[in-house]
PDBML (XML) file of the C-alpha atoms, coordinates in Angstrom:
<?xml version="1.0" encoding="UTF-8" ?>
<PDBx:datablock datablockName="MODEL"
   xmlns:PDBx="http://pdbml.pdb.org/schema/pdbx-v50.xsd"
   xmlns:xsi="http://www.w3.org/2001/XMLSchema-instance"
   xsi:schemaLocation="http://pdbml.pdb.org/schema/pdbx-v50.xsd pdbx-v50.xsd">
   <PDBx:atom_siteCategory>
      <PDBx:atom_site id="1">
         <PDBx:B_iso_or_equiv>0.00</PDBx:B_iso_or_equiv>
         <PDBx:Cartn_x>-6.487</PDBx:Cartn_x>
         <PDBx:Cartn_y>2.349</PDBx:Cartn_y>
         <PDBx:Cartn_z>-5.281</PDBx:Cartn_z>
         <PDBx:auth_asym_id>A</PDBx:auth_asym_id>
         <PDBx:auth_atom_id>CA</PDBx:auth_atom_id>
         <PDBx:auth_comp_id>PHE</PDBx:auth_comp_id>
         <PDBx:auth_seq_id>1</PDBx:auth_seq_id>
         <PDBx:group_PDB>ATOM</PDBx:group_PDB>
         <PDBx:label_alt_id xsi:nil="true" />
         <PDBx:label_asym_id>A</PDBx:label_asym_id>
         <PDBx:label_atom_id>CA</PDBx:label_atom_id>
         <PDBx:label_comp_id>PHE</PDBx:label_comp_id>
         <PDBx:label_entity_id>1</PDBx:label_entity_id>
         <PDBx:label_seq_id>1</PDBx:label_seq_id>
         <PDBx:occupancy>1.00</PDBx:occupancy>
         <PDBx:pdbx_PDB_model_num>1</PDBx:pdbx_PDB_model_num>
         <PDBx:type_symbol>C</PDBx:type_symbol>
      </PDBx:atom_site>
      <PDBx:atom_site id="2">
         <PDBx:B_iso_or_equiv>0.00</PDBx:B_iso_or_equiv>
         <PDBx:Cartn_x>-8.463</PDBx:Cartn_x>
         <PDBx:Cartn_y>0.867</PDBx:Cartn_y>
         <PDBx:Cartn_z>-2.372</PDBx:Cartn_z>
         <PDBx:auth_asym_id>A</PDBx:auth_asym_id>
         <PDBx:auth_atom_id>CA</PDBx:auth_atom_id>
         <PDBx:auth_comp_id>HIS</PDBx:auth_comp_id>
         <PDBx:auth_seq_id>2</PDBx:auth_seq_id>
         <PDBx:group_PDB>ATOM</PDBx:group_PDB>
         <PDBx:label_alt_id xsi:nil="true" />
         <PDBx:label_asym_id>A</PDBx:label_asym_id>
         <PDBx:label_atom_id>CA</PDBx:label_atom_id>
         <PDBx:label_comp_id>HIS</PDBx:label_comp_id>
         <PDBx:label_entity_id>1</PDBx:label_entity_id>
         <PDBx:label_seq_id>2</PDBx:label_seq_id>
         <PDBx:occupancy>1.00</PDBx:occupancy>
         <PDBx:pdbx_PDB_model_num>1</PDBx:pdbx_PDB_model_num>
         <PDBx:type_symbol>C</PDBx:type_symbol>
      </PDBx:atom_site>
      <PDBx:atom_site id="3">
         <PDBx:B_iso_or_equiv>0.00</PDBx:B_iso_or_equiv>
         <PDBx:Cartn_x>-6.361</PDBx:Cartn_x>
         <PDBx:Cartn_y>-0.413</PDBx:Cartn_y>
         <PDBx:Cartn_z>0.510</PDBx:Cartn_z>
         <PDBx:auth_asym_id>A</PDBx:auth_asym_id>
         <PDBx:auth_atom_id>CA</PDBx:auth_atom_id>
         <PDBx:auth_comp_id>GLY</PDBx:auth_comp_id>
         <PDBx:auth_seq_id>3</PDBx:auth_seq_id>
         <PDBx:group_PDB>ATOM</PDBx:group_PDB>
         <PDBx:label_alt_id xsi:nil="true" />
         <PDBx:label_asym_id>A</PDBx:label_asym_id>
         <PDBx:label_atom_id>CA</PDBx:label_atom_id>
         <PDBx:label_comp_id>GLY</PDBx:label_comp_id>
         <PDBx:label_entity_id>1</PDBx:label_entity_id>
         <PDBx:label_seq_id>3</PDBx:label_seq_id>
         <PDBx:occupancy>1.00</PDBx:occupancy>
         <PDBx:pdbx_PDB_model_num>1</PDBx:pdbx_PDB_model_num>
         <PDBx:type_symbol>C</PDBx:type_symbol>
      </PDBx:atom_site>
      <PDBx:atom_site id="4">
         <PDBx:B_iso_or_equiv>0.00</PDBx:B_iso_or_equiv>
         <PDBx:Cartn_x>-8.522</PDBx:Cartn_x>
         <PDBx:Cartn_y>-2.372</PDBx:Cartn_y>
         <PDBx:Cartn_z>2.955</PDBx:Cartn_z>
         <PDBx:auth_asym_id>A</PDBx:auth_asym_id>
         <PDBx:auth_atom_id>CA</PDBx:auth_atom_id>
         <PDBx:auth_comp_id>SER</PDBx:auth_comp_id>
         <PDBx:auth_seq_id>4</PDBx:auth_seq_id>
         <PDBx:group_PDB>ATOM</PDBx:group_PDB>
         <PDBx:label_alt_id xsi:nil="true" />
         <PDBx:label_asym_id>A</PDBx:label_asym_id>
         <PDBx:label_atom_id>CA</PDBx:label_atom_id>
         <PDBx:label_comp_id>SER</PDBx:label_comp_id>
         <PDBx:label_entity_id>1</PDBx:label_entity_id>
         <PDBx:label_seq_id>4</PDBx:label_seq_id>
         <PDBx:occupancy>1.00</PDBx:occupancy>
         <PDBx:pdbx_PDB_model_num>1</PDBx:pdbx_PDB_model_num>
         <PDBx:type_symbol>C</PDBx:type_symbol>
      </PDBx:atom_site>
      <PDBx:atom_site id="5">
         <PDBx:B_iso_or_equiv>0.00</PDBx:B_iso_or_equiv>
         <PDBx:Cartn_x>-7.692</PDBx:Cartn_x>
         <PDBx:Cartn_y>-3.163</PDBx:Cartn_y>
         <PDBx:Cartn_z>6.615</PDBx:Cartn_z>
         <PDBx:auth_asym_id>A</PDBx:auth_asym_id>
         <PDBx:auth_atom_id>CA</PDBx:auth_atom_id>
         <PDBx:auth_comp_id>GLU</PDBx:auth_comp_id>
         <PDBx:auth_seq_id>5</PDBx:auth_seq_id>
         <PDBx:group_PDB>ATOM</PDBx:group_PDB>
         <PDBx:label_alt_id xsi:nil="true" />
         <PDBx:label_asym_id>A</PDBx:label_asym_id>
         <PDBx:label_atom_id>CA</PDBx:label_atom_id>
         <PDBx:label_comp_id>GLU</PDBx:label_comp_id>
         <PDBx:label_entity_id>1</PDBx:label_entity_id>
         <PDBx:label_seq_id>5</PDBx:label_seq_id>
         <PDBx:occupancy>1.00</PDBx:occupancy>
         <PDBx:pdbx_PDB_model_num>1</PDBx:pdbx_PDB_model_num>
         <PDBx:type_symbol>C</PDBx:type_symbol>
      </PDBx:atom_site>
      <PDBx:atom_site id="6">
         <PDBx:B_iso_or_equiv>0.00</PDBx:B_iso_or_equiv>
         <PDBx:Cartn_x>-4.323</PDBx:Cartn_x>
         <PDBx:Cartn_y>-1.526</PDBx:Cartn_y>
         <PDBx:Cartn_z>6.115</PDBx:Cartn_z>
         <PDBx:auth_asym_id>A</PDBx:auth_asym_id>
         <PDBx:auth_atom_id>CA</PDBx:auth_atom_id>
         <PDBx:auth_comp_id>VAL</PDBx:auth_comp_id>
         <PDBx:auth_seq_id>6</PDBx:auth_seq_id>
         <PDBx:group_PDB>ATOM</PDBx:group_PDB>
         <PDBx:label_alt_id xsi:nil="true" />
         <PDBx:label_asym_id>A</PDBx:label_asym_id>
         <PDBx:label_atom_id>CA</PDBx:label_atom_id>
         <PDBx:label_comp_id>VAL</PDBx:label_comp_id>
         <PDBx:label_entity_id>1</PDBx:label_entity_id>
         <PDBx:label_seq_id>6</PDBx:label_seq_id>
         <PDBx:occupancy>1.00</PDBx:occupancy>
         <PDBx:pdbx_PDB_model_num>1</PDBx:pdbx_PDB_model_num>
         <PDBx:type_symbol>C</PDBx:type_symbol>
      </PDBx:atom_site>
      <PDBx:atom_site id="7">
         <PDBx:B_iso_or_equiv>0.00</PDBx:B_iso_or_equiv>
         <PDBx:Cartn_x>-3.369</PDBx:Cartn_x>
         <PDBx:Cartn_y>-1.774</PDBx:Cartn_y>
         <PDBx:Cartn_z>9.799</PDBx:Cartn_z>
         <PDBx:auth_asym_id>A</PDBx:auth_asym_id>
         <PDBx:auth_atom_id>CA</PDBx:auth_atom_id>
         <PDBx:auth_comp_id>ALA</PDBx:auth_comp_id>
         <PDBx:auth_seq_id>7</PDBx:auth_seq_id>
         <PDBx:group_PDB>ATOM</PDBx:group_PDB>
         <PDBx:label_alt_id xsi:nil="true" />
         <PDBx:label_asym_id>A</PDBx:label_asym_id>
         <PDBx:label_atom_id>CA</PDBx:label_atom_id>
         <PDBx:label_comp_id>ALA</PDBx:label_comp_id>
         <PDBx:label_entity_id>1</PDBx:label_entity_id>
         <PDBx:label_seq_id>7</PDBx:label_seq_id>
         <PDBx:occupancy>1.00</PDBx:occupancy>
         <PDBx:pdbx_PDB_model_num>1</PDBx:pdbx_PDB_model_num>
         <PDBx:type_symbol>C</PDBx:type_symbol>
      </PDBx:atom_site>
      <PDBx:atom_site id="8">
         <PDBx:B_iso_or_equiv>0.00</PDBx:B_iso_or_equiv>
         <PDBx:Cartn_x>-3.363</PDBx:Cartn_x>
         <PDBx:Cartn_y>-5.571</PDBx:Cartn_y>
         <PDBx:Cartn_z>9.359</PDBx:Cartn_z>
         <PDBx:auth_asym_id>A</PDBx:auth_asym_id>
         <PDBx:auth_atom_id>CA</PDBx:auth_atom_id>
         <PDBx:auth_comp_id>TYR</PDBx:auth_comp_id>
         <PDBx:auth_seq_id>8</PDBx:auth_seq_id>
         <PDBx:group_PDB>ATOM</PDBx:group_PDB>
         <PDBx:label_alt_id xsi:nil="true" />
         <PDBx:label_asym_id>A</PDBx:label_asym_id>
         <PDBx:label_atom_id>CA</PDBx:label_atom_id>
         <PDBx:label_comp_id>TYR</PDBx:label_comp_id>
         <PDBx:label_entity_id>1</PDBx:label_entity_id>
         <PDBx:label_seq_id>8</PDBx:label_seq_id>
         <PDBx:occupancy>1.00</PDBx:occupancy>
         <PDBx:pdbx_PDB_model_num>1</PDBx:pdbx_PDB_model_num>
         <PDBx:type_symbol>C</PDBx:type_symbol>
      </PDBx:atom_site>
      <PDBx:atom_site id="9">
         <PDBx:B_iso_or_equiv>0.00</PDBx:B_iso_or_equiv>
         <PDBx:Cartn_x>-1.227</PDBx:Cartn_x>
         <PDBx:Cartn_y>-5.734</PDBx:Cartn_y>
         <PDBx:Cartn_z>6.198</PDBx:Cartn_z>
         <PDBx:auth_asym_id>A</PDBx:auth_asym_id>
         <PDBx:auth_atom_id>CA</PDBx:auth_atom_id>
         <PDBx:auth_comp_id>TRP</PDBx:auth_comp_id>
         <PDBx:auth_seq_id>9</PDBx:auth_seq_id>
         <PDBx:group_PDB>ATOM</PDBx:group_PDB>
         <PDBx:label_alt_id xsi:nil="true" />
         <PDBx:label_asym_id>A</PDBx:label_asym_id>
         <PDBx:label_atom_id>CA</PDBx:label_atom_id>
         <PDBx:label_comp_id>TRP</PDBx:label_comp_id>
         <PDBx:label_entity_id>1</PDBx:label_entity_id>
         <PDBx:label_seq_id>9</PDBx:label_seq_id>
         <PDBx:occupancy>1.00</PDBx:occupancy>
         <PDBx:pdbx_PDB_model_num>1</PDBx:pdbx_PDB_model_num>
         <PDBx:type_symbol>C</PDBx:type_symbol>
      </PDBx:atom_site>
      <PDBx:atom_site id="10">
         <PDBx:B_iso_or_equiv>0.00</PDBx:B_iso_or_equiv>
         <PDBx:Cartn_x>1.853</PDBx:Cartn_x>
         <PDBx:Cartn_y>-7.916</PDBx:Cartn_y>
         <PDBx:Cartn_z>6.439</PDBx:Cartn_z>
         <PDBx:auth_asym_id>A</PDBx:auth_asym_id>
         <PDBx:auth_atom_id>CA</PDBx:auth_atom_id>
         <PDBx:auth_comp_id>PRO</PDBx:auth_comp_id>
         <PDBx:auth_seq_id>10</PDBx:auth_seq_id>
         <PDBx:group_PDB>ATOM</PDBx:group_PDB>
         <PDBx:label_alt_id xsi:nil="true" />
         <PDBx:label_asym_id>A</PDBx:label_asym_id>
         <PDBx:label_atom_id>CA</PDBx:label_atom_id>
         <PDBx:label_comp_id>PRO</PDBx:label_comp_id>
         <PDBx:label_entity_id>1</PDBx:label_entity_id>
         <PDBx:label_seq_id>10</PDBx:label_seq_id>
         <PDBx:occupancy>1.00</PDBx:occupancy>
         <PDBx:pdbx_PDB_model_num>1</PDBx:pdbx_PDB_model_num>
         <PDBx:type_symbol>C</PDBx:type_symbol>
      </PDBx:atom_site>
      <PDBx:atom_site id="11">
         <PDBx:B_iso_or_equiv>0.00</PDBx:B_iso_or_equiv>
         <PDBx:Cartn_x>4.744</PDBx:Cartn_x>
         <PDBx:Cartn_y>-6.224</PDBx:Cartn_y>
         <PDBx:Cartn_z>4.624</PDBx:Cartn_z>
         <PDBx:auth_asym_id>A</PDBx:auth_asym_id>
         <PDBx:auth_atom_id>CA</PDBx:auth_atom_id>
         <PDBx:auth_comp_id>ASN</PDBx:auth_comp_id>
         <PDBx:auth_seq_id>11</PDBx:auth_seq_id>
         <PDBx:group_PDB>ATOM</PDBx:group_PDB>
         <PDBx:label_alt_id xsi:nil="true" />
         <PDBx:label_asym_id>A</PDBx:label_asym_id>
         <PDBx:label_atom_id>CA</PDBx:label_atom_id>
         <PDBx:label_comp_id>ASN</PDBx:label_comp_id>
         <PDBx:label_entity_id>1</PDBx:label_entity_id>
         <PDBx:label_seq_id>11</PDBx:label_seq_id>
         <PDBx:occupancy>1.00</PDBx:occupancy>
         <PDBx:pdbx_PDB_model_num>1</PDBx:pdbx_PDB_model_num>
         <PDBx:type_symbol>C</PDBx:type_symbol>
      </PDBx:atom_site>
      <PDBx:atom_site id="12">
         <PDBx:B_iso_or_equiv>0.00</PDBx:B_iso_or_equiv>
         <PDBx:Cartn_x>2.931</PDBx:Cartn_x>
         <PDBx:Cartn_y>-2.886</PDBx:Cartn_y>
         <PDBx:Cartn_z>4.964</PDBx:Cartn_z>
         <PDBx:auth_asym_id>A</PDBx:auth_asym_id>
         <PDBx:auth_atom_id>CA</PDBx:auth_atom_id>
         <PDBx:auth_comp_id>ALA</PDBx:auth_comp_id>
         <PDBx:auth_seq_id>12</PDBx:auth_seq_id>
         <PDBx:group_PDB>ATOM</PDBx:group_PDB>
         <PDBx:label_alt_id xsi:nil="true" />
         <PDBx:label_asym_id>A</PDBx:label_asym_id>
         <PDBx:label_atom_id>CA</PDBx:label_atom_id>
         <PDBx:label_comp_id>ALA</PDBx:label_comp_id>
         <PDBx:label_entity_id>1</PDBx:label_entity_id>
         <PDBx:label_seq_id>12</PDBx:label_seq_id>
         <PDBx:occupancy>1.00</PDBx:occupancy>
         <PDBx:pdbx_PDB_model_num>1</PDBx:pdbx_PDB_model_num>
         <PDBx:type_symbol>C</PDBx:type_symbol>
      </PDBx:atom_site>
      <PDBx:atom_site id="13">
         <PDBx:B_iso_or_equiv>0.00</PDBx:B_iso_or_equiv>
         <PDBx:Cartn_x>6.070</PDBx:Cartn_x>
         <PDBx:Cartn_y>-0.791</PDBx:Cartn_y>
         <PDBx:Cartn_z>4.521</PDBx:Cartn_z>
         <PDBx:auth_asym_id>A</PDBx:auth_asym_id>
         <PDBx:auth_atom_id>CA</PDBx:auth_atom_id>
         <PDBx:auth_comp_id>ARG</PDBx:auth_comp_id>
         <PDBx:auth_seq_id>13</PDBx:auth_seq_id>
         <PDBx:group_PDB>ATOM</PDBx:group_PDB>
         <PDBx:label_alt_id xsi:nil="true" />
         <PDBx:label_asym_id>A</PDBx:label_asym_id>
         <PDBx:label_atom_id>CA</PDBx:label_atom_id>
         <PDBx:label_comp_id>ARG</PDBx:label_comp_id>
         <PDBx:label_entity_id>1</PDBx:label_entity_id>
         <PDBx:label_seq_id>13</PDBx:label_seq_id>
         <PDBx:occupancy>1.00</PDBx:occupancy>
         <PDBx:pdbx_PDB_model_num>1</PDBx:pdbx_PDB_model_num>
         <PDBx:type_symbol>C</PDBx:type_symbol>
      </PDBx:atom_site>
      <PDBx:atom_site id="14">
         <PDBx:B_iso_or_equiv>0.00</PDBx:B_iso_or_equiv>
         <PDBx:Cartn_x>6.865</PDBx:Cartn_x>
         <PDBx:Cartn_y>-2.560</PDBx:Cartn_y>
         <PDBx:Cartn_z>1.243</PDBx:Cartn_z>
         <PDBx:auth_asym_id>A</PDBx:auth_asym_id>
         <PDBx:auth_atom_id>CA</PDBx:auth_atom_id>
         <PDBx:auth_comp_id>ASP</PDBx:auth_comp_id>
         <PDBx:auth_seq_id>14</PDBx:auth_seq_id>
         <PDBx:group_PDB>ATOM</PDBx:group_PDB>
         <PDBx:label_alt_id xsi:nil="true" />
         <PDBx:label_asym_id>A</PDBx:label_asym_id>
         <PDBx:label_atom_id>CA</PDBx:label_atom_id>
         <PDBx:label_comp_id>ASP</PDBx:label_comp_id>
         <PDBx:label_entity_id>1</PDBx:label_entity_id>
         <PDBx:label_seq_id>14</PDBx:label_seq_id>
         <PDBx:occupancy>1.00</PDBx:occupancy>
         <PDBx:pdbx_PDB_model_num>1</PDBx:pdbx_PDB_model_num>
         <PDBx:type_symbol>C</PDBx:type_symbol>
      </PDBx:atom_site>
      <PDBx:atom_site id="15">
         <PDBx:B_iso_or_equiv>0.00</PDBx:B_iso_or_equiv>
         <PDBx:Cartn_x>3.334</PDBx:Cartn_x>
         <PDBx:Cartn_y>-1.957</PDBx:Cartn_y>
         <PDBx:Cartn_z>-0.036</PDBx:Cartn_z>
         <PDBx:auth_asym_id>A</PDBx:auth_asym_id>
         <PDBx:auth_atom_id>CA</PDBx:auth_atom_id>
         <PDBx:auth_comp_id>HIS</PDBx:auth_comp_id>
         <PDBx:auth_seq_id>15</PDBx:auth_seq_id>
         <PDBx:group_PDB>ATOM</PDBx:group_PDB>
         <PDBx:label_alt_id xsi:nil="true" />
         <PDBx:label_asym_id>A</PDBx:label_asym_id>
         <PDBx:label_atom_id>CA</PDBx:label_atom_id>
         <PDBx:label_comp_id>HIS</PDBx:label_comp_id>
         <PDBx:label_entity_id>1</PDBx:label_entity_id>
         <PDBx:label_seq_id>15</PDBx:label_seq_id>
         <PDBx:occupancy>1.00</PDBx:occupancy>
         <PDBx:pdbx_PDB_model_num>1</PDBx:pdbx_PDB_model_num>
         <PDBx:type_symbol>C</PDBx:type_symbol>
      </PDBx:atom_site>
      <PDBx:atom_site id="16">
         <PDBx:B_iso_or_equiv>0.00</PDBx:B_iso_or_equiv>
         <PDBx:Cartn_x>3.461</PDBx:Cartn_x>
         <PDBx:Cartn_y>1.730</PDBx:Cartn_y>
         <PDBx:Cartn_z>0.823</PDBx:Cartn_z>
         <PDBx:auth_asym_id>A</PDBx:auth_asym_id>
         <PDBx:auth_atom_id>CA</PDBx:auth_atom_id>
         <PDBx:auth_comp_id>PHE</PDBx:auth_comp_id>
         <PDBx:auth_seq_id>16</PDBx:auth_seq_id>
         <PDBx:group_PDB>ATOM</PDBx:group_PDB>
         <PDBx:label_alt_id xsi:nil="true" />
         <PDBx:label_asym_id>A</PDBx:label_asym_id>
         <PDBx:label_atom_id>CA</PDBx:label_atom_id>
         <PDBx:label_comp_id>PHE</PDBx:label_comp_id>
         <PDBx:label_entity_id>1</PDBx:label_entity_id>
         <PDBx:label_seq_id>16</PDBx:label_seq_id>
         <PDBx:occupancy>1.00</PDBx:occupancy>
         <PDBx:pdbx_PDB_model_num>1</PDBx:pdbx_PDB_model_num>
         <PDBx:type_symbol>C</PDBx:type_symbol>
      </PDBx:atom_site>
      <PDBx:atom_site id="17">
         <PDBx:B_iso_or_equiv>0.00</PDBx:B_iso_or_equiv>
         <PDBx:Cartn_x>6.741</PDBx:Cartn_x>
         <PDBx:Cartn_y>1.945</PDBx:Cartn_y>
         <PDBx:Cartn_z>-1.081</PDBx:Cartn_z>
         <PDBx:auth_asym_id>A</PDBx:auth_asym_id>
         <PDBx:auth_atom_id>CA</PDBx:auth_atom_id>
         <PDBx:auth_comp_id>ALA</PDBx:auth_comp_id>
         <PDBx:auth_seq_id>17</PDBx:auth_seq_id>
         <PDBx:group_PDB>ATOM</PDBx:group_PDB>
         <PDBx:label_alt_id xsi:nil="true" />
         <PDBx:label_asym_id>A</PDBx:label_asym_id>
         <PDBx:label_atom_id>CA</PDBx:label_atom_id>
         <PDBx:label_comp_id>ALA</PDBx:label_comp_id>
         <PDBx:label_entity_id>1</PDBx:label_entity_id>
         <PDBx:label_seq_id>17</PDBx:label_seq_id>
         <PDBx:occupancy>1.00</PDBx:occupancy>
         <PDBx:pdbx_PDB_model_num>1</PDBx:pdbx_PDB_model_num>
         <PDBx:type_symbol>C</PDBx:type_symbol>
      </PDBx:atom_site>
      <PDBx:atom_site id="18">
         <PDBx:B_iso_or_equiv>0.00</PDBx:B_iso_or_equiv>
         <PDBx:Cartn_x>5.493</PDBx:Cartn_x>
         <PDBx:Cartn_y>-0.233</PDBx:Cartn_y>
         <PDBx:Cartn_z>-3.949</PDBx:Cartn_z>
         <PDBx:auth_asym_id>A</PDBx:auth_asym_id>
         <PDBx:auth_atom_id>CA</PDBx:auth_atom_id>
         <PDBx:auth_comp_id>GLY</PDBx:auth_comp_id>
         <PDBx:auth_seq_id>18</PDBx:auth_seq_id>
         <PDBx:group_PDB>ATOM</PDBx:group_PDB>
         <PDBx:label_alt_id xsi:nil="true" />
         <PDBx:label_asym_id>A</PDBx:label_asym_id>
         <PDBx:label_atom_id>CA</PDBx:label_atom_id>
         <PDBx:label_comp_id>GLY</PDBx:label_comp_id>
         <PDBx:label_entity_id>1</PDBx:label_entity_id>
         <PDBx:label_seq_id>18</PDBx:label_seq_id>
         <PDBx:occupancy>1.00</PDBx:occupancy>
         <PDBx:pdbx_PDB_model_num>1</PDBx:pdbx_PDB_model_num>
         <PDBx:type_symbol>C</PDBx:type_symbol>
      </PDBx:atom_site>
      <PDBx:atom_site id="19">
         <PDBx:B_iso_or_equiv>0.00</PDBx:B_iso_or_equiv>
         <PDBx:Cartn_x>1.896</PDBx:Cartn_x>
         <PDBx:Cartn_y>-0.550</PDBx:Cartn_y>
         <PDBx:Cartn_z>-5.051</PDBx:Cartn_z>
         <PDBx:auth_asym_id>A</PDBx:auth_asym_id>
         <PDBx:auth_atom_id>CA</PDBx:auth_atom_id>
         <PDBx:auth_comp_id>VAL</PDBx:auth_comp_id>
         <PDBx:auth_seq_id>19</PDBx:auth_seq_id>
         <PDBx:group_PDB>ATOM</PDBx:group_PDB>
         <PDBx:label_alt_id xsi:nil="true" />
         <PDBx:label_asym_id>A</PDBx:label_asym_id>
         <PDBx:label_atom_id>CA</PDBx:label_atom_id>
         <PDBx:label_comp_id>VAL</PDBx:label_comp_id>
         <PDBx:label_entity_id>1</PDBx:label_entity_id>
         <PDBx:label_seq_id>19</PDBx:label_seq_id>
         <PDBx:occupancy>1.00</PDBx:occupancy>
         <PDBx:pdbx_PDB_model_num>1</PDBx:pdbx_PDB_model_num>
         <PDBx:type_symbol>C</PDBx:type_symbol>
      </PDBx:atom_site>
      <PDBx:atom_site id="20">
         <PDBx:B_iso_or_equiv>0.00</PDBx:B_iso_or_equiv>
         <PDBx:Cartn_x>0.901</PDBx:Cartn_x>
         <PDBx:Cartn_y>2.896</PDBx:Cartn_y>
         <PDBx:Cartn_z>-3.799</PDBx:Cartn_z>
         <PDBx:auth_asym_id>A</PDBx:auth_asym_id>
         <PDBx:auth_atom_id>CA</PDBx:auth_atom_id>
         <PDBx:auth_comp_id>MET</PDBx:auth_comp_id>
         <PDBx:auth_seq_id>20</PDBx:auth_seq_id>
         <PDBx:group_PDB>ATOM</PDBx:group_PDB>
         <PDBx:label_alt_id xsi:nil="true" />
         <PDBx:label_asym_id>A</PDBx:label_asym_id>
         <PDBx:label_atom_id>CA</PDBx:label_atom_id>
         <PDBx:label_comp_id>MET</PDBx:label_comp_id>
         <PDBx:label_entity_id>1</PDBx:label_entity_id>
         <PDBx:label_seq_id>20</PDBx:label_seq_id>
         <PDBx:occupancy>1.00</PDBx:occupancy>
         <PDBx:pdbx_PDB_model_num>1</PDBx:pdbx_PDB_model_num>
         <PDBx:type_symbol>C</PDBx:type_symbol>
      </PDBx:atom_site>
      <PDBx:atom_site id="21">
         <PDBx:B_iso_or_equiv>0.00</PDBx:B_iso_or_equiv>
         <PDBx:Cartn_x>3.593</PDBx:Cartn_x>
         <PDBx:Cartn_y>4.396</PDBx:Cartn_y>
         <PDBx:Cartn_z>-5.999</PDBx:Cartn_z>
         <PDBx:auth_asym_id>A</PDBx:auth_asym_id>
         <PDBx:auth_atom_id>CA</PDBx:auth_atom_id>
         <PDBx:auth_comp_id>GLN</PDBx:auth_comp_id>
         <PDBx:auth_seq_id>21</PDBx:auth_seq_id>
         <PDBx:group_PDB>ATOM</PDBx:group_PDB>
         <PDBx:label_alt_id xsi:nil="true" />
         <PDBx:label_asym_id>A</PDBx:label_asym_id>
         <PDBx:label_atom_id>CA</PDBx:label_atom_id>
         <PDBx:label_comp_id>GLN</PDBx:label_comp_id>
         <PDBx:label_entity_id>1</PDBx:label_entity_id>
         <PDBx:label_seq_id>21</PDBx:label_seq_id>
         <PDBx:occupancy>1.00</PDBx:occupancy>
         <PDBx:pdbx_PDB_model_num>1</PDBx:pdbx_PDB_model_num>
         <PDBx:type_symbol>C</PDBx:type_symbol>
      </PDBx:atom_site>
      <PDBx:atom_site id="22">
         <PDBx:B_iso_or_equiv>0.00</PDBx:B_iso_or_equiv>
         <PDBx:Cartn_x>1.770</PDBx:Cartn_x>
         <PDBx:Cartn_y>2.883</PDBx:Cartn_y>
         <PDBx:Cartn_z>-8.963</PDBx:Cartn_z>
         <PDBx:auth_asym_id>A</PDBx:auth_asym_id>
         <PDBx:auth_atom_id>CA</PDBx:auth_atom_id>
         <PDBx:auth_comp_id>ALA</PDBx:auth_comp_id>
         <PDBx:auth_seq_id>22</PDBx:auth_seq_id>
         <PDBx:group_PDB>ATOM</PDBx:group_PDB>
         <PDBx:label_alt_id xsi:nil="true" />
         <PDBx:label_asym_id>A</PDBx:label_asym_id>
         <PDBx:label_atom_id>CA</PDBx:label_atom_id>
         <PDBx:label_comp_id>ALA</PDBx:label_comp_id>
         <PDBx:label_entity_id>1</PDBx:label_entity_id>
         <PDBx:label_seq_id>22</PDBx:label_seq_id>
         <PDBx:occupancy>1.00</PDBx:occupancy>
         <PDBx:pdbx_PDB_model_num>1</PDBx:pdbx_PDB_model_num>
         <PDBx:type_symbol>C</PDBx:type_symbol>
      </PDBx:atom_site>
      <PDBx:atom_site id="23">
         <PDBx:B_iso_or_equiv>0.00</PDBx:B_iso_or_equiv>
         <PDBx:Cartn_x>-0.800</PDBx:Cartn_x>
         <PDBx:Cartn_y>5.687</PDBx:Cartn_y>
         <PDBx:Cartn_z>-8.630</PDBx:Cartn_z>
         <PDBx:auth_asym_id>A</PDBx:auth_asym_id>
         <PDBx:auth_atom_id>CA</PDBx:auth_atom_id>
         <PDBx:auth_comp_id>VAL</PDBx:auth_comp_id>
         <PDBx:auth_seq_id>23</PDBx:auth_seq_id>
         <PDBx:group_PDB>ATOM</PDBx:group_PDB>
         <PDBx:label_alt_id xsi:nil="true" />
         <PDBx:label_asym_id>A</PDBx:label_asym_id>
         <PDBx:label_atom_id>CA</PDBx:label_atom_id>
         <PDBx:label_comp_id>VAL</PDBx:label_comp_id>
         <PDBx:label_entity_id>1</PDBx:label_entity_id>
         <PDBx:label_seq_id>23</PDBx:label_seq_id>
         <PDBx:occupancy>1.00</PDBx:occupancy>
         <PDBx:pdbx_PDB_model_num>1</PDBx:pdbx_PDB_model_num>
         <PDBx:type_symbol>C</PDBx:type_symbol>
      </PDBx:atom_site>
      <PDBx:atom_site id="24">
         <PDBx:B_iso_or_equiv>0.00</PDBx:B_iso_or_equiv>
         <PDBx:Cartn_x>0.584</PDBx:Cartn_x>
         <PDBx:Cartn_y>8.792</PDBx:Cartn_y>
         <PDBx:Cartn_z>-10.379</PDBx:Cartn_z>
         <PDBx:auth_asym_id>A</PDBx:auth_asym_id>
         <PDBx:auth_atom_id>CA</PDBx:auth_atom_id>
         <PDBx:auth_comp_id>PRO</PDBx:auth_comp_id>
         <PDBx:auth_seq_id>24</PDBx:auth_seq_id>
         <PDBx:group_PDB>ATOM</PDBx:group_PDB>
         <PDBx:label_alt_id xsi:nil="true" />
         <PDBx:label_asym_id>A</PDBx:label_asym_id>
         <PDBx:label_atom_id>CA</PDBx:label_atom_id>
         <PDBx:label_comp_id>PRO</PDBx:label_comp_id>
         <PDBx:label_entity_id>1</PDBx:label_entity_id>
         <PDBx:label_seq_id>24</PDBx:label_seq_id>
         <PDBx:occupancy>1.00</PDBx:occupancy>
         <PDBx:pdbx_PDB_model_num>1</PDBx:pdbx_PDB_model_num>
         <PDBx:type_symbol>C</PDBx:type_symbol>
      </PDBx:atom_site>
      <PDBx:atom_site id="25">
         <PDBx:B_iso_or_equiv>0.00</PDBx:B_iso_or_equiv>
         <PDBx:Cartn_x>0.373</PDBx:Cartn_x>
         <PDBx:Cartn_y>12.126</PDBx:Cartn_y>
         <PDBx:Cartn_z>-8.626</PDBx:Cartn_z>
         <PDBx:auth_asym_id>A</PDBx:auth_asym_id>
         <PDBx:auth_atom_id>CA</PDBx:auth_atom_id>
         <PDBx:auth_comp_id>ASP</PDBx:auth_comp_id>
         <PDBx:auth_seq_id>25</PDBx:auth_seq_id>
         <PDBx:group_PDB>ATOM</PDBx:group_PDB>
         <PDBx:label_alt_id xsi:nil="true" />
         <PDBx:label_asym_id>A</PDBx:label_asym_id>
         <PDBx:label_atom_id>CA</PDBx:label_atom_id>
         <PDBx:label_comp_id>ASP</PDBx:label_comp_id>
         <PDBx:label_entity_id>1</PDBx:label_entity_id>
         <PDBx:label_seq_id>25</PDBx:label_seq_id>
         <PDBx:occupancy>1.00</PDBx:occupancy>
         <PDBx:pdbx_PDB_model_num>1</PDBx:pdbx_PDB_model_num>
         <PDBx:type_symbol>C</PDBx:type_symbol>
      </PDBx:atom_site>
   </PDBx:atom_siteCategory>
</PDBx:datablock>
């Protein structure tokens, strides 16, 4: 997963709780 210009994401909290959880540990 490549997150680009993360400081400028709208809805950043939702993305941290959503798409980033799609990467298994």
